[in-house]
Amino acid sequence: MIESVTRFTVFALYQLTVMFGILLLPVAFAARRLGIQLPIGDLIERLDSAYAQTAN
């Protein structure tokens, strides 16, 4: 039961992070033109690996 809740929570965080990254895409393009890189990709990779660990 706890594993199911954990898996659902991590999956929901992953989906929200992907949505957040898509919504911030124009901001990321503008920031990159200024030489600033947003760490959204790193965050998505971490949540993806966390979800993969809970799926086992």
N, C-alpha and C. Protein backbone atom coordinates (compact mmCIF):
# COMPACT_ATOMS: atom_id res chain seq x y z
N MET A 1 0.82 -1.19 0.00
CA MET A 1 0.00 0.00 0.00
C MET A 1 0.87 1.25 0.00
N ILE A 2 1.86 1.28 0.88
CA ILE A 2 2.76 2.44 0.95
C ILE A 2 3.54 2.58 -0.36
N GLU A 3 3.95 1.45 -0.94
CA GLU A 3 4.69 1.49 -2.20
C GLU A 3 3.83 2.08 -3.31
N SER A 4 2.55 1.76 -3.33
CA SER A 4 1.65 2.31 -4.35
C SER A 4 1.51 3.82 -4.20
N VAL A 5 1.39 4.28 -2.97
CA VAL A 5 1.28 5.72 -2.73
C VAL A 5 2.58 6.42 -3.13
N THR A 6 3.71 5.82 -2.78
CA THR A 6 5.00 6.40 -3.16
C THR A 6 5.14 6.45 -4.66
N ARG A 7 4.80 5.36 -5.34
CA ARG A 7 4.91 5.31 -6.80
C ARG A 7 4.01 6.36 -7.44
N PHE A 8 2.78 6.49 -6.94
CA PHE A 8 1.86 7.49 -7.48
C PHE A 8 2.38 8.90 -7.25
N THR A 9 2.91 9.16 -6.07
CA THR A 9 3.42 10.50 -5.74
C THR A 9 4.60 10.87 -6.64
N VAL A 10 5.53 9.94 -6.82
CA VAL A 10 6.69 10.21 -7.67
C VAL A 10 6.25 10.40 -9.12
N PHE A 11 5.30 9.60 -9.59
CA PHE A 11 4.80 9.74 -10.95
C PHE A 11 4.11 11.09 -11.13
N ALA A 12 3.32 11.51 -10.15
CA ALA A 12 2.64 12.80 -10.23
C ALA A 12 3.66 13.94 -10.24
N LEU A 13 4.69 13.86 -9.42
CA LEU A 13 5.74 14.88 -9.43
C LEU A 13 6.46 14.91 -10.77
N TYR A 14 6.70 13.74 -11.34
CA TYR A 14 7.35 13.67 -12.66
C TYR A 14 6.49 14.35 -13.71
N GLN A 15 5.20 14.06 -13.73
CA GLN A 15 4.30 14.66 -14.71
C GLN A 15 4.20 16.17 -14.51
N LEU A 16 4.13 16.63 -13.27
CA LEU A 16 4.07 18.06 -13.01
C LEU A 16 5.36 18.76 -13.43
N THR A 17 6.49 18.10 -13.23
CA THR A 17 7.76 18.68 -13.64
C THR A 17 7.85 18.79 -15.15
N VAL A 18 7.38 17.77 -15.87
CA VAL A 18 7.37 17.84 -17.33
C VAL A 18 6.47 18.99 -17.79
N MET A 19 5.29 19.11 -17.20
CA MET A 19 4.38 20.19 -17.56
C MET A 19 5.02 21.55 -17.25
N PHE A 20 5.64 21.66 -16.10
CA PHE A 20 6.32 22.90 -15.70
C PHE A 20 7.43 23.24 -16.69
N GLY A 21 8.17 22.24 -17.13
CA GLY A 21 9.23 22.46 -18.11
C GLY A 21 8.69 22.92 -19.45
N ILE A 22 7.57 22.35 -19.87
CA ILE A 22 6.96 22.77 -21.14
C ILE A 22 6.45 24.20 -21.04
N LEU A 23 5.81 24.52 -19.92
CA LEU A 23 5.29 25.88 -19.75
C LEU A 23 6.41 26.93 -19.68
N LEU A 24 7.55 26.54 -19.15
CA LEU A 24 8.66 27.47 -19.02
C LEU A 24 9.59 27.47 -20.24
N LEU A 25 9.22 26.78 -21.29
CA LEU A 25 10.09 26.70 -22.46
C LEU A 25 10.42 28.07 -23.04
N PRO A 26 9.46 28.97 -23.20
CA PRO A 26 9.83 30.31 -23.70
C PRO A 26 10.79 31.05 -22.76
N VAL A 27 10.59 30.88 -21.46
CA VAL A 27 11.49 31.51 -20.49
C VAL A 27 12.89 30.89 -20.60
N ALA A 28 12.96 29.58 -20.80
CA ALA A 28 14.25 28.91 -20.94
C ALA A 28 14.99 29.39 -22.18
N PHE A 29 14.26 29.59 -23.28
CA PHE A 29 14.90 30.11 -24.49
C PHE A 29 15.45 31.51 -24.27
N ALA A 30 14.68 32.35 -23.60
CA ALA A 30 15.14 33.71 -23.32
C ALA A 30 16.33 33.69 -22.36
N ALA A 31 16.29 32.83 -21.36
CA ALA A 31 17.39 32.73 -20.40
C ALA A 31 18.66 32.22 -21.08
N ARG A 32 18.50 31.28 -21.99
CA ARG A 32 19.67 30.74 -22.69
C ARG A 32 20.33 31.81 -23.56
N ARG A 33 19.50 32.69 -24.14
CA ARG A 33 20.07 33.78 -24.94
C ARG A 33 20.90 34.72 -24.06
N LEU A 34 20.53 34.80 -22.78
CA LEU A 34 21.28 35.63 -21.84
C LEU A 34 22.44 34.87 -21.20
N GLY A 35 22.59 33.59 -21.52
CA GLY A 35 23.68 32.79 -20.98
C GLY A 35 23.35 32.07 -19.70
N ILE A 36 22.07 31.99 -19.36
CA ILE A 36 21.64 31.30 -18.15
C ILE A 36 20.96 29.99 -18.55
N GLN A 37 21.32 28.91 -17.90
CA GLN A 37 20.71 27.62 -18.19
C GLN A 37 19.86 27.18 -17.00
N LEU A 38 18.59 26.88 -17.25
CA LEU A 38 17.69 26.42 -16.20
C LEU A 38 17.88 24.91 -16.01
N PRO A 39 17.85 24.41 -14.77
CA PRO A 39 18.11 22.98 -14.50
C PRO A 39 16.87 22.09 -14.60
N ILE A 40 15.92 22.41 -15.47
CA ILE A 40 14.70 21.60 -15.58
C ILE A 40 15.02 20.20 -16.08
N GLY A 41 15.93 20.08 -17.05
CA GLY A 41 16.29 18.76 -17.58
C GLY A 41 16.88 17.86 -16.51
N ASP A 42 17.72 18.41 -15.66
CA ASP A 42 18.31 17.63 -14.57
C ASP A 42 17.24 17.16 -13.60
N LEU A 43 16.29 18.04 -13.31
CA LEU A 43 15.21 17.68 -12.39
C LEU A 43 14.35 16.56 -12.96
N ILE A 44 14.05 16.62 -14.25
CA ILE A 44 13.25 15.57 -14.89
C ILE A 44 14.01 14.24 -14.87
N GLU A 45 15.30 14.27 -15.14
CA GLU A 45 16.09 13.04 -15.10
C GLU A 45 16.11 12.41 -13.71
N ARG A 46 16.24 13.24 -12.67
CA ARG A 46 16.23 12.72 -11.30
C ARG A 46 14.90 12.09 -10.95
N LEU A 47 13.81 12.76 -11.32
CA LEU A 47 12.49 12.20 -11.03
C LEU A 47 12.22 10.94 -11.84
N ASP A 48 12.75 10.89 -13.07
CA ASP A 48 12.59 9.68 -13.89
C ASP A 48 13.31 8.50 -13.25
N SER A 49 14.51 8.73 -12.75
CA SER A 49 15.23 7.63 -12.10
C SER A 49 14.57 7.24 -10.78
N ALA A 50 14.03 8.22 -10.05
CA ALA A 50 13.32 7.90 -8.81
C ALA A 50 12.07 7.07 -9.11
N TYR A 51 11.35 7.40 -10.17
CA TYR A 51 10.16 6.63 -10.53
C TYR A 51 10.56 5.22 -10.98
N ALA A 52 11.64 5.11 -11.70
CA ALA A 52 12.12 3.78 -12.14
C ALA A 52 12.47 2.92 -10.93
N GLN A 53 13.04 3.53 -9.89
CA GLN A 53 13.38 2.76 -8.69
C GLN A 53 12.14 2.31 -7.94
N THR A 54 11.07 3.12 -7.95
CA THR A 54 9.85 2.72 -7.25
C THR A 54 9.07 1.69 -8.05
N ALA A 55 9.28 1.62 -9.35
CA ALA A 55 8.54 0.69 -10.19
C ALA A 55 9.06 -0.74 -10.05
N ASN A 56 10.27 -0.89 -9.51
CA ASN A 56 10.85 -2.24 -9.35
C ASN A 56 10.20 -2.99 -8.25
